[in-house]
Amino acid sequence: MKPYRIPQLAKPYTDYDMIQRHTELPPFSEGRGHLLYIFLSHGSPAGIKGGELYTLVTGLVQLGLDTHECIDRVQDEPGGDPMRSRQLKVLAGDYFSSWFYHLLAKREQIEMVGILSTAIADLNVMKAHLYSKMKGMFLSAEQYLRHTVQLNMRLFLSFTPMIEESLAELWEKLLAEFSQYETVLLELRRGGDPVNAVEGYCYWKVLESANEDERRLLQEQELDLKDWKKLKMKYKCDSLLTDKLHGSLGSIQGLLQGVKEENLFAELNAALDRLLQHMKISGQAAVEG
């Protein structure tokens, strides 16, 4: 198997000075992408041959979707121009997603265009159901997190038929844990200020636990940074998320212990090490074993 180099291959499509100067992009799907690449290399001939391409285009589509997802959370981003940041996010999200069609069509992978297009459509339906619950306030913090993890898995699950049947169960279990790990890390970062936190895990956790006055301030977005941090501490938001990180990490390590094939174990262990090295929140290293 070739060394994993998808983030490097993605850079020509994602690194633009104007975008980086005026807005902040969500991170590339490092853990899920690496996991997909490994399992495709142990799967069908089509998966082995197209593993690098499939992982690259899936990462670009995911980045496009994630970029659109954070369009409304731009008020405090660097650059001081929320409108420009919002516009760039719209354009960047469309641009990243468009490469999926171009790169697959160039390699005459028409069937894969259809598979990923179906996955995107399904994902949008799932998002609509989640937004409906959020709008009606029919959502707990744990339900929000579970739905978000499922959304973050959807594109990658499209490739399950290409993965060796004997490894499919391991693939799905590891994908769920890697997805939860990456999602929780993003929620920790998102919860750092009251603007970005709106409708994230910490928001729903505080909302379901807060008293009437706290709930009013939260819903009317009248909290400053200091008061928001006090509420997060009072309701142990960061502690709960950190516990989930440890839980996912422990589950991943437990699943890896059951892998008997030496090369596969080494590749999966390297993917976990890479995830721990690359995922950092507020300057602190991601949870270690």
Protein backbone atom coordinates (compact mmCIF):
# COMPACT_ATOMS: atom_id res chain seq x y z
CA MET A 1 0.00 0.00 0.00
CA LYS A 2 1.23 3.50 -0.82
CA PRO A 3 1.91 5.78 2.17
CA TYR A 4 -1.12 7.85 3.20
CA ARG A 5 -0.74 11.26 1.55
CA ILE A 6 -4.29 12.48 1.01
CA PRO A 7 -3.90 15.77 2.97
CA GLN A 8 -0.90 16.63 0.78
CA LEU A 9 -2.81 15.73 -2.40
CA ALA A 10 -5.72 17.91 -1.26
CA LYS A 11 -3.62 21.04 -0.73
CA PRO A 12 -3.69 22.23 -4.38
CA TYR A 13 -7.50 22.24 -4.14
CA THR A 14 -7.83 23.77 -0.67
CA ASP A 15 -4.94 26.19 -0.06
CA TYR A 16 -5.81 29.69 -1.28
CA ASP A 17 -4.40 32.85 0.25
CA MET A 18 -7.62 34.86 0.01
CA ILE A 19 -9.63 32.19 1.81
CA GLN A 20 -7.00 31.76 4.51
CA ARG A 21 -6.65 35.52 5.04
CA HIS A 22 -10.34 36.30 5.38
CA THR A 23 -12.03 33.23 6.80
CA GLU A 24 -11.34 30.06 8.72
CA LEU A 25 -12.02 26.66 7.22
CA PRO A 26 -12.99 23.53 9.13
CA PRO A 27 -10.29 20.85 9.32
CA PHE A 28 -9.84 18.16 6.69
CA SER A 29 -11.34 14.78 7.69
CA GLU A 30 -7.96 13.37 8.68
CA GLY A 31 -8.97 10.34 10.75
CA ARG A 32 -11.92 9.16 8.67
CA GLY A 33 -10.00 9.61 5.44
CA HIS A 34 -6.98 7.65 6.64
CA LEU A 35 -9.27 4.87 7.88
CA LEU A 36 -11.09 4.71 4.53
CA TYR A 37 -7.82 4.54 2.62
CA ILE A 38 -6.59 1.63 4.74
CA PHE A 39 -9.75 -0.43 4.41
CA LEU A 40 -10.06 0.20 0.67
CA SER A 41 -6.52 -1.13 0.27
CA HIS A 42 -7.70 -4.39 1.86
CA GLY A 43 -10.91 -4.58 -0.19
CA SER A 44 -12.11 -5.17 -3.73
CA PRO A 45 -9.87 -4.66 -6.79
CA ALA A 46 -11.78 -1.45 -7.57
CA GLY A 47 -11.17 -0.18 -4.04
CA ILE A 48 -7.48 -1.06 -4.14
CA LYS A 49 -7.01 0.61 -7.53
CA GLY A 50 -9.03 3.73 -6.77
CA GLY A 51 -8.41 4.04 -3.03
CA GLU A 52 -6.36 7.21 -3.20
CA LEU A 53 -8.74 8.95 -5.61
CA TYR A 54 -11.85 7.89 -3.68
CA THR A 55 -10.41 9.06 -0.38
CA LEU A 56 -9.34 12.39 -1.87
CA VAL A 57 -12.70 13.23 -3.45
CA THR A 58 -14.61 12.12 -0.34
CA GLY A 59 -12.42 14.38 1.78
CA LEU A 60 -13.03 17.32 -0.56
CA VAL A 61 -16.79 16.79 -0.54
CA GLN A 62 -16.78 16.51 3.26
CA LEU A 63 -14.75 19.71 3.51
CA GLY A 64 -17.22 21.48 1.22
CA LEU A 65 -20.18 20.35 3.32
CA ASP A 66 -18.44 21.28 6.57
CA THR A 67 -17.53 24.71 5.17
CA HIS A 68 -21.16 25.42 4.27
CA GLU A 69 -22.18 24.20 7.73
CA CYS A 70 -20.26 26.98 9.48
CA ILE A 71 -21.39 29.86 7.22
CA ASP A 72 -23.53 31.43 9.94
CA ARG A 73 -20.81 31.33 12.58
CA VAL A 74 -18.42 34.00 11.29
CA GLN A 75 -18.87 37.07 13.47
CA ASP A 76 -15.66 36.82 15.45
CA GLU A 77 -13.35 35.36 12.85
CA PRO A 78 -10.04 37.06 11.96
CA GLY A 79 -10.21 39.81 9.36
CA GLY A 80 -13.06 41.86 10.80
CA ASP A 81 -15.42 41.43 7.83
CA PRO A 82 -18.20 38.92 8.56
CA MET A 83 -19.89 39.44 5.19
CA ARG A 84 -16.72 38.71 3.24
CA SER A 85 -16.04 35.67 5.41
CA ARG A 86 -19.57 34.37 4.83
CA GLN A 87 -19.34 34.89 1.07
CA LEU A 88 -15.97 33.15 0.90
CA LYS A 89 -17.34 30.20 2.84
CA VAL A 90 -20.19 29.81 0.35
CA LEU A 91 -17.80 29.97 -2.60
CA ALA A 92 -15.18 27.76 -0.97
CA GLY A 93 -17.72 25.09 -0.05
CA ASP A 94 -19.07 25.00 -3.60
CA TYR A 95 -15.55 24.94 -5.02
CA PHE A 96 -14.34 22.03 -2.86
CA SER A 97 -17.43 19.97 -3.65
CA SER A 98 -17.16 20.63 -7.39
CA TRP A 99 -13.80 18.86 -7.56
CA PHE A 100 -15.46 15.58 -6.68
CA TYR A 101 -17.33 15.56 -10.04
CA HIS A 102 -14.34 16.79 -12.00
CA LEU A 103 -11.77 14.35 -10.61
CA LEU A 104 -14.01 11.29 -10.86
CA ALA A 105 -15.27 12.17 -14.36
CA LYS A 106 -11.70 12.71 -15.53
CA ARG A 107 -10.93 9.12 -14.50
CA GLU A 108 -14.24 7.89 -15.98
CA GLN A 109 -15.51 6.86 -12.56
CA ILE A 110 -19.15 7.56 -13.44
CA GLU A 111 -20.54 4.89 -11.12
CA MET A 112 -18.70 6.43 -8.17
CA VAL A 113 -20.15 9.85 -9.04
CA GLY A 114 -23.58 8.27 -8.64
CA ILE A 115 -22.68 6.54 -5.37
CA LEU A 116 -21.35 9.71 -3.76
CA SER A 117 -24.19 11.82 -5.16
CA THR A 118 -26.67 9.46 -3.50
CA ALA A 119 -24.76 9.69 -0.24
CA ILE A 120 -24.80 13.50 -0.39
CA ALA A 121 -28.55 13.49 -1.01
CA ASP A 122 -29.10 11.13 1.93
CA LEU A 123 -26.90 13.29 4.12
CA ASN A 124 -28.93 16.39 3.24
CA VAL A 125 -32.14 14.60 4.20
CA MET A 126 -30.56 13.61 7.52
CA LYS A 127 -29.51 17.22 8.08
CA ALA A 128 -33.02 18.46 7.36
CA HIS A 129 -34.44 16.11 10.01
CA LEU A 130 -31.83 17.31 12.51
CA TYR A 131 -32.53 20.98 11.78
CA SER A 132 -36.24 20.35 12.25
CA LYS A 133 -35.60 18.95 15.71
CA MET A 134 -33.28 21.83 16.54
CA LYS A 135 -35.83 24.42 15.42
CA GLY A 136 -38.52 22.79 17.53
CA MET A 137 -36.10 22.52 20.47
CA PHE A 138 -36.78 18.76 20.56
CA LEU A 139 -33.18 17.84 21.08
CA SER A 140 -30.87 16.93 23.95
CA ALA A 141 -27.11 17.40 23.83
CA GLU A 142 -26.57 13.66 23.54
CA GLN A 143 -29.08 13.35 20.70
CA TYR A 144 -27.39 16.24 18.89
CA LEU A 145 -23.99 14.59 19.20
CA ARG A 146 -25.28 11.20 18.05
CA HIS A 147 -26.95 12.73 14.98
CA THR A 148 -23.83 14.75 14.14
CA VAL A 149 -21.59 11.69 14.35
CA GLN A 150 -23.96 9.84 12.01
CA LEU A 151 -23.81 12.75 9.55
CA ASN A 152 -20.02 12.71 9.66
CA MET A 153 -20.00 8.99 8.84
CA ARG A 154 -22.44 9.01 5.94
CA LEU A 155 -20.14 9.72 2.98
CA PHE A 156 -17.55 7.22 4.17
CA LEU A 157 -20.11 4.46 4.67
CA SER A 158 -20.78 4.61 0.92
CA PHE A 159 -17.64 2.55 0.40
CA THR A 160 -18.61 -0.38 2.63
CA PRO A 161 -19.49 -2.60 -0.39
CA MET A 162 -15.88 -2.20 -1.61
CA ILE A 163 -14.38 -3.38 1.66
CA GLU A 164 -13.52 -7.03 2.25
CA GLU A 165 -16.56 -8.70 3.78
CA SER A 166 -14.61 -10.14 6.72
CA LEU A 167 -13.45 -6.62 7.63
CA ALA A 168 -16.76 -4.78 7.16
CA GLU A 169 -17.83 -5.00 10.80
CA LEU A 170 -14.45 -3.76 12.03
CA TRP A 171 -14.56 -0.94 9.45
CA GLU A 172 -17.97 0.28 10.61
CA LYS A 173 -17.08 0.11 14.31
CA LEU A 174 -13.79 1.95 13.84
CA LEU A 175 -15.45 4.52 11.57
CA ALA A 176 -18.03 5.23 14.28
CA GLU A 177 -15.32 5.76 16.91
CA PHE A 178 -13.03 7.82 14.66
CA SER A 179 -16.03 9.93 13.66
CA GLN A 180 -17.02 10.48 17.27
CA TYR A 181 -13.45 11.39 18.18
CA GLU A 182 -13.18 13.98 15.40
CA THR A 183 -16.67 15.33 16.09
CA VAL A 184 -16.04 15.76 19.80
CA LEU A 185 -12.76 17.56 19.14
CA LEU A 186 -14.59 19.99 16.88
CA GLU A 187 -17.30 20.50 19.52
CA LEU A 188 -14.64 21.35 22.11
CA ARG A 189 -13.22 23.99 19.80
CA ARG A 190 -16.66 25.23 18.77
CA GLY A 191 -17.65 25.70 22.40
CA GLY A 192 -14.78 28.11 23.03
CA ASP A 193 -16.94 31.22 22.55
CA PRO A 194 -20.69 31.89 22.76
CA VAL A 195 -21.09 32.85 19.08
CA ASN A 196 -19.62 29.69 17.59
CA ALA A 197 -21.19 27.54 20.30
CA VAL A 198 -24.77 28.29 19.24
CA GLU A 199 -26.60 25.03 18.47
CA GLY A 200 -23.52 22.94 19.23
CA TYR A 201 -23.13 20.32 21.97
CA CYS A 202 -22.25 22.80 24.73
CA TYR A 203 -25.21 25.01 23.78
CA TRP A 204 -27.68 22.12 24.03
CA LYS A 205 -26.09 20.84 27.24
CA VAL A 206 -26.37 24.21 28.96
CA LEU A 207 -29.86 24.77 27.57
CA GLU A 208 -31.21 21.51 28.96
CA SER A 209 -29.65 22.09 32.40
CA ALA A 210 -29.83 25.88 32.89
CA ASN A 211 -32.23 27.84 35.04
CA GLU A 212 -34.76 30.20 33.46
CA ASP A 213 -32.55 33.29 33.50
CA GLU A 214 -29.55 31.44 32.09
CA ARG A 215 -31.70 29.91 29.36
CA ARG A 216 -33.05 33.31 28.36
CA LEU A 217 -29.56 34.83 28.10
CA LEU A 218 -28.42 31.86 26.06
CA GLN A 219 -31.32 31.90 23.62
CA GLU A 220 -31.11 35.67 23.17
CA GLN A 221 -27.34 35.41 22.69
CA GLU A 222 -26.65 38.01 25.37
CA LEU A 223 -23.77 36.16 27.05
CA ASP A 224 -20.26 37.56 26.95
CA LEU A 225 -17.25 35.27 26.87
CA LYS A 226 -16.69 35.34 30.62
CA ASP A 227 -20.29 34.42 31.46
CA TRP A 228 -20.33 31.73 28.80
CA LYS A 229 -17.22 30.11 30.27
CA LYS A 230 -18.82 30.16 33.72
CA LEU A 231 -21.90 28.39 32.39
CA LYS A 232 -19.80 25.79 30.58
CA MET A 233 -17.88 25.11 33.78
CA LYS A 234 -21.03 24.98 35.88
CA TYR A 235 -22.59 22.34 33.65
CA LYS A 236 -19.28 20.50 33.00
CA CYS A 237 -19.52 20.73 29.21
CA ASP A 238 -15.81 20.41 28.48
CA SER A 239 -15.38 17.64 31.04
CA LEU A 240 -18.19 15.63 29.46
CA LEU A 241 -16.68 16.05 25.99
CA THR A 242 -13.21 15.15 27.22
CA ASP A 243 -14.62 11.98 28.81
CA LYS A 244 -16.11 11.09 25.42
CA LEU A 245 -12.70 11.55 23.79
CA HIS A 246 -11.16 9.14 26.27
CA GLY A 247 -14.03 6.73 25.70
CA SER A 248 -13.61 6.72 21.92
CA LEU A 249 -9.86 6.38 22.23
CA GLY A 250 -10.28 3.41 24.56
CA SER A 251 -12.78 1.81 22.17
CA ILE A 252 -10.42 2.27 19.21
CA GLN A 253 -7.52 0.74 21.10
CA GLY A 254 -9.73 -2.17 22.16
CA LEU A 255 -10.82 -2.82 18.58
CA LEU A 256 -7.22 -2.70 17.36
CA GLN A 257 -6.20 -5.32 19.91
CA GLY A 258 -8.53 -7.75 18.15
CA VAL A 259 -6.84 -7.29 14.74
CA LYS A 260 -4.77 -10.38 14.00
CA GLU A 261 -3.40 -9.46 10.57
CA GLU A 262 -0.02 -7.85 11.21
CA ASN A 263 0.05 -5.37 8.33
CA LEU A 264 -3.51 -4.20 8.93
CA PHE A 265 -2.81 -3.72 12.63
CA ALA A 266 0.29 -1.64 11.88
CA GLU A 267 -1.59 0.53 9.37
CA LEU A 268 -4.53 1.13 11.73
CA ASN A 269 -2.22 1.89 14.63
CA ALA A 270 -0.39 4.41 12.45
CA ALA A 271 -3.74 6.03 11.57
CA LEU A 272 -4.57 6.40 15.26
CA ASP A 273 -1.13 7.85 16.03
CA ARG A 274 -1.50 10.32 13.17
CA LEU A 275 -4.94 11.37 14.40
CA LEU A 276 -3.60 12.02 17.89
CA GLN A 277 -0.68 14.03 16.51
CA HIS A 278 -2.73 16.20 14.16
CA MET A 279 -5.88 16.89 16.16
CA LYS A 280 -5.25 19.75 18.58
CA ILE A 281 -7.69 22.01 20.36
CA SER A 282 -6.72 25.47 21.62
CA GLY A 283 -3.04 24.63 21.46
CA GLN A 284 -3.34 21.52 23.63
CA ALA A 285 -2.43 18.12 22.27
CA ALA A 286 -5.28 15.78 21.63
CA VAL A 287 -6.00 13.11 24.18
CA GLU A 288 -3.19 10.63 24.55
CA GLY A 289 -3.37 6.99 25.47
